[in-house]
């Protein structure tokens, strides 16, 4: 046990010697380095001498007026500096990994995805991490992380702009056509894409009430673009879902928004043998700092676990 303590004390002393040497080189003064370390000038000088004796080279050239690193000293400073930075990084990483996640976490997401994805997950997250205060900012606007003090963002987009942010792909959002069984019983089935022209469509994006729906048979044998008129259009998918549940038409919405309705048979897929263009990957985005605060890391890992993609960073945006 005494041998282990002595070995640790030796290692600690060697690390302080290295830090003292780096400070002397950077500050160009033993006196300034001693003041920074809270030691005497003689103590720092002895540390440098100890290093020089151990290495068998002159690291510093001392004169009454200045201290300057030798060529060997400059090369050693560069290598030692990198090693000390890595050691410091490792220490901080371990300390943060052991820290209990806490504090205020501000997350932004599109309104519809917030309701369909984050709402059910936030309950479990809040229960697991009671010391984190979770604030959800649901908006279609792409909020700036710094200007709006955002910690994490969920973004559905085909491409992410280059930045210092880190993005993890959670899933691909599939868009589909869905209707209440009562509506299809009243207005008839949809057997092929052209049948949509005779039905009431509930759409979120239109041009003066009209839109073009691009479909492709999943076996690859058929492609079609159908020009349709919206019976009702709205600015968000949740409204279209509610109108579809009321039996007023066929909604074109992301499948994730109606998953619970499909499970409960409140809605059924229309033209399920066709894929519909308009989907996009969903990314979890956070700052690309070297050490994430525990609260951000906890939320990121919780969602990656929920979507089965933990540990796989798929993009950096």
Protein backbone atom coordinates (compact mmCIF):
# COMPACT_ATOMS: atom_id res chain seq x y z
CA UNK A 1 0.00 0.00 0.00
CA UNK A 2 2.83 2.40 0.95
CA UNK A 3 4.55 1.58 -2.34
CA UNK A 4 1.39 2.46 -4.29
CA UNK A 5 1.03 5.79 -2.44
CA UNK A 6 4.68 6.62 -3.07
CA UNK A 7 4.29 5.77 -6.77
CA UNK A 8 1.23 8.01 -7.05
CA UNK A 9 3.04 10.88 -5.34
CA UNK A 10 5.93 10.44 -7.77
CA UNK A 11 3.59 10.55 -10.77
CA UNK A 12 1.81 13.63 -9.40
CA UNK A 13 5.15 15.38 -8.87
CA UNK A 14 6.26 14.56 -12.41
CA UNK A 15 3.04 15.99 -13.83
CA UNK A 16 3.51 19.22 -11.89
CA UNK A 17 7.11 19.37 -13.16
CA UNK A 18 5.81 19.11 -16.73
CA UNK A 19 3.16 21.77 -16.18
CA UNK A 20 5.74 24.06 -14.61
CA UNK A 21 8.06 23.60 -17.59
CA UNK A 22 5.25 24.41 -20.07
CA UNK A 23 4.33 27.54 -18.13
CA UNK A 24 7.93 28.77 -18.05
CA UNK A 25 8.23 28.33 -21.82
CA UNK A 26 4.86 29.97 -22.50
CA UNK A 27 5.40 32.90 -20.12
CA UNK A 28 9.11 33.28 -20.74
CA UNK A 29 9.70 33.68 -17.02
CA UNK A 30 10.29 31.40 -14.04
CA UNK A 31 8.94 34.10 -11.75
CA UNK A 32 5.66 34.39 -13.69
CA UNK A 33 5.28 30.59 -13.79
CA UNK A 34 5.87 30.39 -10.03
CA UNK A 35 3.21 33.02 -9.39
CA UNK A 36 0.70 31.10 -11.56
CA UNK A 37 1.45 27.84 -9.75
CA UNK A 38 1.49 29.44 -6.31
CA UNK A 39 5.04 28.29 -5.68
CA UNK A 40 8.37 29.96 -5.09
CA UNK A 41 10.77 30.79 -7.89
CA UNK A 42 13.28 28.36 -6.40
CA UNK A 43 10.74 25.51 -6.34
CA UNK A 44 9.90 25.96 -10.04
CA UNK A 45 13.59 26.23 -10.91
CA UNK A 46 14.26 22.94 -9.13
CA UNK A 47 11.43 21.30 -11.10
CA UNK A 48 13.02 22.35 -14.39
CA UNK A 49 16.43 21.14 -13.25
CA UNK A 50 14.94 17.80 -12.24
CA UNK A 51 13.43 17.41 -15.70
CA UNK A 52 16.69 18.29 -17.41
CA UNK A 53 18.63 15.77 -15.32
CA UNK A 54 16.06 13.04 -16.03
CA UNK A 55 16.17 13.71 -19.79
CA UNK A 56 19.87 14.45 -20.02
CA UNK A 57 19.28 17.57 -22.15
CA UNK A 58 19.16 21.31 -21.58
CA UNK A 59 15.57 22.51 -21.89
CA UNK A 60 15.99 26.17 -20.96
CA UNK A 61 18.69 28.71 -21.54
CA UNK A 62 18.80 30.98 -18.49
CA UNK A 63 20.25 34.47 -18.34
CA UNK A 64 19.84 37.14 -15.64
CA UNK A 65 17.36 38.97 -17.86
CA UNK A 66 15.34 36.23 -19.55
CA UNK A 67 14.58 32.53 -19.87
CA UNK A 68 14.37 31.01 -23.34
CA UNK A 69 13.66 27.46 -24.46
CA UNK A 70 16.40 25.62 -26.32
CA UNK A 71 15.66 23.82 -29.58
CA UNK A 72 15.23 20.59 -27.61
CA UNK A 73 13.09 22.47 -25.11
CA UNK A 74 10.72 23.79 -27.80
CA UNK A 75 10.28 20.32 -29.31
CA UNK A 76 9.67 18.86 -25.86
CA UNK A 77 7.15 21.62 -25.04
CA UNK A 78 5.06 20.75 -28.10
CA UNK A 79 4.92 17.05 -27.29
CA UNK A 80 4.37 17.52 -23.57
CA UNK A 81 1.64 20.08 -24.23
CA UNK A 82 -0.34 17.66 -26.37
CA UNK A 83 0.04 14.92 -23.75
CA UNK A 84 -1.13 17.19 -20.93
CA UNK A 85 -4.14 18.32 -22.98
CA UNK A 86 -5.14 14.70 -23.59
CA UNK A 87 -4.75 13.94 -19.90
CA UNK A 88 -6.87 16.94 -18.95
CA UNK A 89 -9.50 15.91 -21.50
CA UNK A 90 -9.60 12.42 -20.02
CA UNK A 91 -9.98 13.78 -16.49
CA UNK A 92 -12.85 16.08 -17.48
CA UNK A 93 -14.56 13.29 -19.45
CA UNK A 94 -14.48 10.93 -16.48
CA UNK A 95 -15.72 13.62 -14.10
CA UNK A 96 -18.62 14.53 -16.42
CA UNK A 97 -19.51 10.88 -16.99
CA UNK A 98 -19.95 10.46 -13.22
CA UNK A 99 -21.87 13.68 -12.78
CA UNK A 100 -25.59 13.38 -12.14
CA UNK A 101 -27.49 15.03 -15.03
CA UNK A 102 -29.29 18.12 -13.78
CA UNK A 103 -30.28 21.63 -14.77
CA UNK A 104 -32.58 23.17 -17.37
CA UNK A 105 -32.69 21.48 -20.79
CA UNK A 106 -34.18 23.41 -23.72
CA UNK A 107 -35.24 21.25 -26.69
CA UNK A 108 -36.81 22.43 -29.94
CA UNK A 109 -38.73 20.39 -32.51
CA UNK A 110 -41.40 20.86 -35.19
CA UNK A 111 -44.82 21.07 -33.58
CA UNK A 112 -46.22 17.89 -35.11
CA UNK A 113 -43.15 15.80 -34.36
CA UNK A 114 -43.05 17.16 -30.85
CA UNK A 115 -46.56 15.89 -30.24
CA UNK A 116 -46.13 12.52 -31.91
CA UNK A 117 -42.55 11.67 -30.87
CA UNK A 118 -41.34 13.79 -27.98
CA UNK A 119 -44.55 13.93 -25.95
CA UNK A 120 -44.63 10.20 -25.14
CA UNK A 121 -40.84 10.02 -24.66
CA UNK A 122 -40.57 13.09 -22.45
CA UNK A 123 -42.63 11.45 -19.71
CA UNK A 124 -40.19 8.57 -19.41
CA UNK A 125 -37.20 10.89 -19.60
CA UNK A 126 -38.56 13.15 -16.85
CA UNK A 127 -39.13 10.14 -14.61
CA UNK A 128 -35.60 8.80 -15.16
CA UNK A 129 -33.92 12.20 -14.72
CA UNK A 130 -36.00 14.12 -12.17
CA UNK A 131 -33.22 16.69 -11.61
CA UNK A 132 -33.51 17.93 -15.21
CA UNK A 133 -36.12 20.57 -15.98
CA UNK A 134 -37.22 19.87 -19.57
CA UNK A 135 -38.52 22.73 -21.73
CA UNK A 136 -39.99 21.87 -25.15
CA UNK A 137 -40.02 24.64 -27.76
CA UNK A 138 -42.33 23.44 -30.54
CA UNK A 139 -42.05 25.53 -33.69
CA UNK A 140 -41.54 25.16 -37.41
CA UNK A 141 -38.77 27.78 -37.28
CA UNK A 142 -35.14 26.60 -37.20
CA UNK A 143 -34.02 28.21 -33.98
CA UNK A 144 -30.39 29.20 -33.58
CA UNK A 145 -28.66 27.30 -30.77
CA UNK A 146 -26.83 30.32 -29.38
CA UNK A 147 -29.39 33.06 -29.97
CA UNK A 148 -32.28 31.02 -28.53
CA UNK A 149 -30.27 29.08 -25.92
CA UNK A 150 -31.15 25.72 -27.44
CA UNK A 151 -29.50 22.56 -26.08
CA UNK A 152 -30.95 19.93 -28.44
CA UNK A 153 -32.99 20.11 -31.65
CA UNK A 154 -35.02 17.58 -33.62
CA UNK A 155 -34.95 18.42 -37.31
CA UNK A 156 -36.62 16.67 -40.22
CA UNK A 157 -34.68 17.52 -43.35
CA UNK A 158 -33.13 15.89 -46.39
CA UNK A 159 -29.83 17.69 -45.80
CA UNK A 160 -28.18 19.51 -42.93
CA UNK A 161 -26.10 22.66 -43.47
CA UNK A 162 -22.42 22.51 -42.64
CA UNK A 163 -21.79 23.71 -39.09
CA UNK A 164 -20.16 22.75 -35.83
CA UNK A 165 -23.27 20.83 -34.77
CA UNK A 166 -23.41 17.04 -34.41
CA UNK A 167 -26.41 15.19 -35.86
CA UNK A 168 -27.65 11.68 -35.12
CA UNK A 169 -30.17 10.14 -37.51
CA UNK A 170 -33.10 8.71 -35.55
CA UNK A 171 -35.34 7.40 -38.33
CA UNK A 172 -36.70 8.13 -41.78
CA UNK A 173 -40.12 9.75 -41.67
CA UNK A 174 -42.42 7.98 -44.13
CA UNK A 175 -45.36 9.92 -45.51
CA UNK A 176 -48.58 8.06 -46.25
CA UNK A 177 -52.30 8.36 -46.97
CA UNK A 178 -54.66 7.48 -44.12
CA UNK A 179 -58.42 7.53 -43.64
CA UNK A 180 -61.04 6.48 -41.13
CA UNK A 181 -62.77 3.18 -42.00
CA UNK A 182 -66.12 4.98 -41.90
CA UNK A 183 -64.99 7.41 -44.61
CA UNK A 184 -63.89 4.59 -46.95
CA UNK A 185 -67.15 2.72 -46.37
CA UNK A 186 -69.11 5.82 -47.33
CA UNK A 187 -66.97 7.04 -50.27
CA UNK A 188 -65.58 3.80 -51.61
CA UNK A 189 -62.11 2.19 -51.60
CA UNK A 190 -58.98 3.54 -53.27
CA UNK A 191 -57.56 0.74 -55.44
CA UNK A 192 -55.17 2.73 -57.64
CA UNK A 193 -53.56 6.19 -57.54
CA UNK A 194 -55.98 7.67 -60.09
CA UNK A 195 -58.89 6.97 -57.68
CA UNK A 196 -57.59 9.75 -55.42
CA UNK A 197 -58.92 12.35 -57.83
CA UNK A 198 -62.48 11.45 -56.80
CA UNK A 199 -61.81 11.61 -53.04
CA UNK A 200 -61.66 14.31 -50.41
CA UNK A 201 -57.98 14.99 -49.59
CA UNK A 202 -56.71 16.52 -46.36
CA UNK A 203 -53.38 18.19 -47.09
CA UNK A 204 -50.86 20.29 -45.18
CA UNK A 205 -49.05 21.81 -48.16
CA UNK A 206 -50.96 23.12 -51.16
CA UNK A 207 -50.80 25.82 -53.80
CA UNK A 208 -54.15 27.57 -53.81
CA UNK A 209 -55.79 24.35 -52.63
CA UNK A 210 -54.09 22.03 -55.11
CA UNK A 211 -51.13 19.64 -54.83
CA UNK A 212 -49.40 16.87 -56.76
CA UNK A 213 -48.90 13.53 -55.04
CA UNK A 214 -46.05 11.38 -56.39
CA UNK A 215 -46.48 7.63 -55.81
CA UNK A 216 -44.42 4.59 -56.71
CA UNK A 217 -45.53 0.99 -56.41
CA UNK A 218 -43.36 -0.82 -53.87
CA UNK A 219 -42.60 -3.50 -56.47
CA UNK A 220 -41.25 -0.76 -58.73
CA UNK A 221 -43.66 -1.47 -61.60
CA UNK A 222 -45.70 1.71 -61.46
CA UNK A 223 -45.08 5.41 -60.93
CA UNK A 224 -47.70 8.09 -60.94
CA UNK A 225 -48.15 11.77 -60.23
CA UNK A 226 -51.72 12.65 -59.32
CA UNK A 227 -52.96 16.24 -59.30
CA UNK A 228 -55.49 16.56 -56.48
CA UNK A 229 -57.57 19.28 -54.87
CA UNK A 230 -57.63 19.61 -51.11
CA UNK A 231 -61.03 19.44 -49.51
CA UNK A 232 -59.36 20.86 -46.42
CA UNK A 233 -55.79 22.14 -46.05
CA UNK A 234 -53.99 23.14 -42.87
CA UNK A 235 -50.57 24.30 -41.80
CA UNK A 236 -49.82 21.28 -39.62
CA UNK A 237 -50.23 17.52 -39.75
CA UNK A 238 -52.03 17.26 -36.42
CA UNK A 239 -55.01 19.18 -37.76
CA UNK A 240 -55.18 16.91 -40.82
CA UNK A 241 -55.04 13.86 -38.55
CA UNK A 242 -57.95 15.13 -36.42
CA UNK A 243 -60.07 15.83 -39.50
CA UNK A 244 -59.31 12.34 -40.84
CA UNK A 245 -60.37 10.82 -37.51
CA UNK A 246 -63.65 12.70 -37.89
CA UNK A 247 -64.21 10.87 -41.18
CA UNK A 248 -63.92 13.92 -43.42
CA UNK A 249 -61.34 12.63 -45.91
CA UNK A 250 -57.96 11.03 -46.66
CA UNK A 251 -55.03 12.67 -44.89
CA UNK A 252 -51.52 12.89 -46.33
CA UNK A 253 -49.37 12.87 -43.17
CA UNK A 254 -46.24 11.22 -41.74
CA UNK A 255 -46.87 7.69 -40.55
CA UNK A 256 -45.33 8.50 -37.17
CA UNK A 257 -48.13 11.02 -36.54
CA UNK A 258 -50.85 8.38 -36.81
CA UNK A 259 -49.07 5.28 -35.49
CA UNK A 260 -51.30 4.98 -32.42
CA UNK A 261 -54.40 5.47 -34.60
CA UNK A 262 -53.29 2.67 -36.92
CA UNK A 263 -52.67 0.35 -33.97
CA UNK A 264 -56.15 1.13 -32.62
CA UNK A 265 -57.73 0.80 -36.11
CA UNK A 266 -59.08 4.34 -35.90
CA UNK A 267 -57.31 5.00 -39.19
CA UNK A 268 -56.23 2.63 -41.95
CA UNK A 269 -53.60 3.07 -44.67
CA UNK A 270 -54.70 3.97 -48.18
CA UNK A 271 -52.69 2.65 -51.16
CA UNK A 272 -50.31 0.94 -48.72
CA UNK A 273 -48.66 -0.90 -51.62
CA UNK A 274 -47.35 2.46 -52.86
CA UNK A 275 -44.56 4.60 -51.46
CA UNK A 276 -45.22 8.34 -51.43
CA UNK A 277 -42.50 10.94 -51.87
CA UNK A 278 -42.16 13.68 -49.32
CA UNK A 279 -40.53 11.92 -46.40
CA UNK A 280 -37.26 12.97 -44.79
CA UNK A 281 -34.75 11.78 -42.20
CA UNK A 282 -35.27 12.91 -38.61
CA UNK A 283 -32.09 14.06 -36.86
CA UNK A 284 -31.26 14.77 -33.27
CA UNK A 285 -28.84 17.71 -33.29
CA UNK A 286 -26.66 19.07 -30.51
CA UNK A 287 -23.56 21.28 -30.19
CA UNK A 288 -20.28 19.72 -31.27
CA UNK A 289 -18.40 20.63 -28.11
CA UNK A 290 -15.66 18.29 -26.94
CA UNK A 291 -17.47 17.53 -23.67
CA UNK A 292 -21.24 17.60 -23.66
CA UNK A 293 -22.94 18.66 -20.42
CA UNK A 294 -24.43 15.61 -18.67
CA UNK A 295 -28.00 16.88 -19.22
CA UNK A 296 -27.52 16.99 -23.02
CA UNK A 297 -25.73 13.66 -23.11
CA UNK A 298 -28.52 12.07 -21.04
CA UNK A 299 -31.25 13.32 -23.40
CA UNK A 300 -29.28 12.32 -26.50
CA UNK A 301 -28.61 8.81 -25.22
CA UNK A 302 -32.21 8.40 -24.06
CA UNK A 303 -33.55 9.13 -27.56
CA UNK A 304 -30.86 7.07 -29.29
CA UNK A 305 -31.81 4.14 -27.05
CA UNK A 306 -35.51 4.69 -27.77
CA UNK A 307 -34.89 4.53 -31.53
CA UNK A 308 -32.31 1.76 -31.34
CA UNK A 309 -29.45 3.81 -32.77
CA UNK A 310 -27.33 4.58 -29.72
CA UNK A 311 -23.64 4.87 -30.44
CA UNK A 312 -24.11 5.42 -34.19
CA UNK A 313 -23.47 8.99 -35.21
CA UNK A 314 -24.71 9.15 -38.78
CA UNK A 315 -24.14 12.74 -39.74
CA UNK A 316 -22.58 15.98 -38.71
CA UNK A 317 -24.41 19.05 -39.76
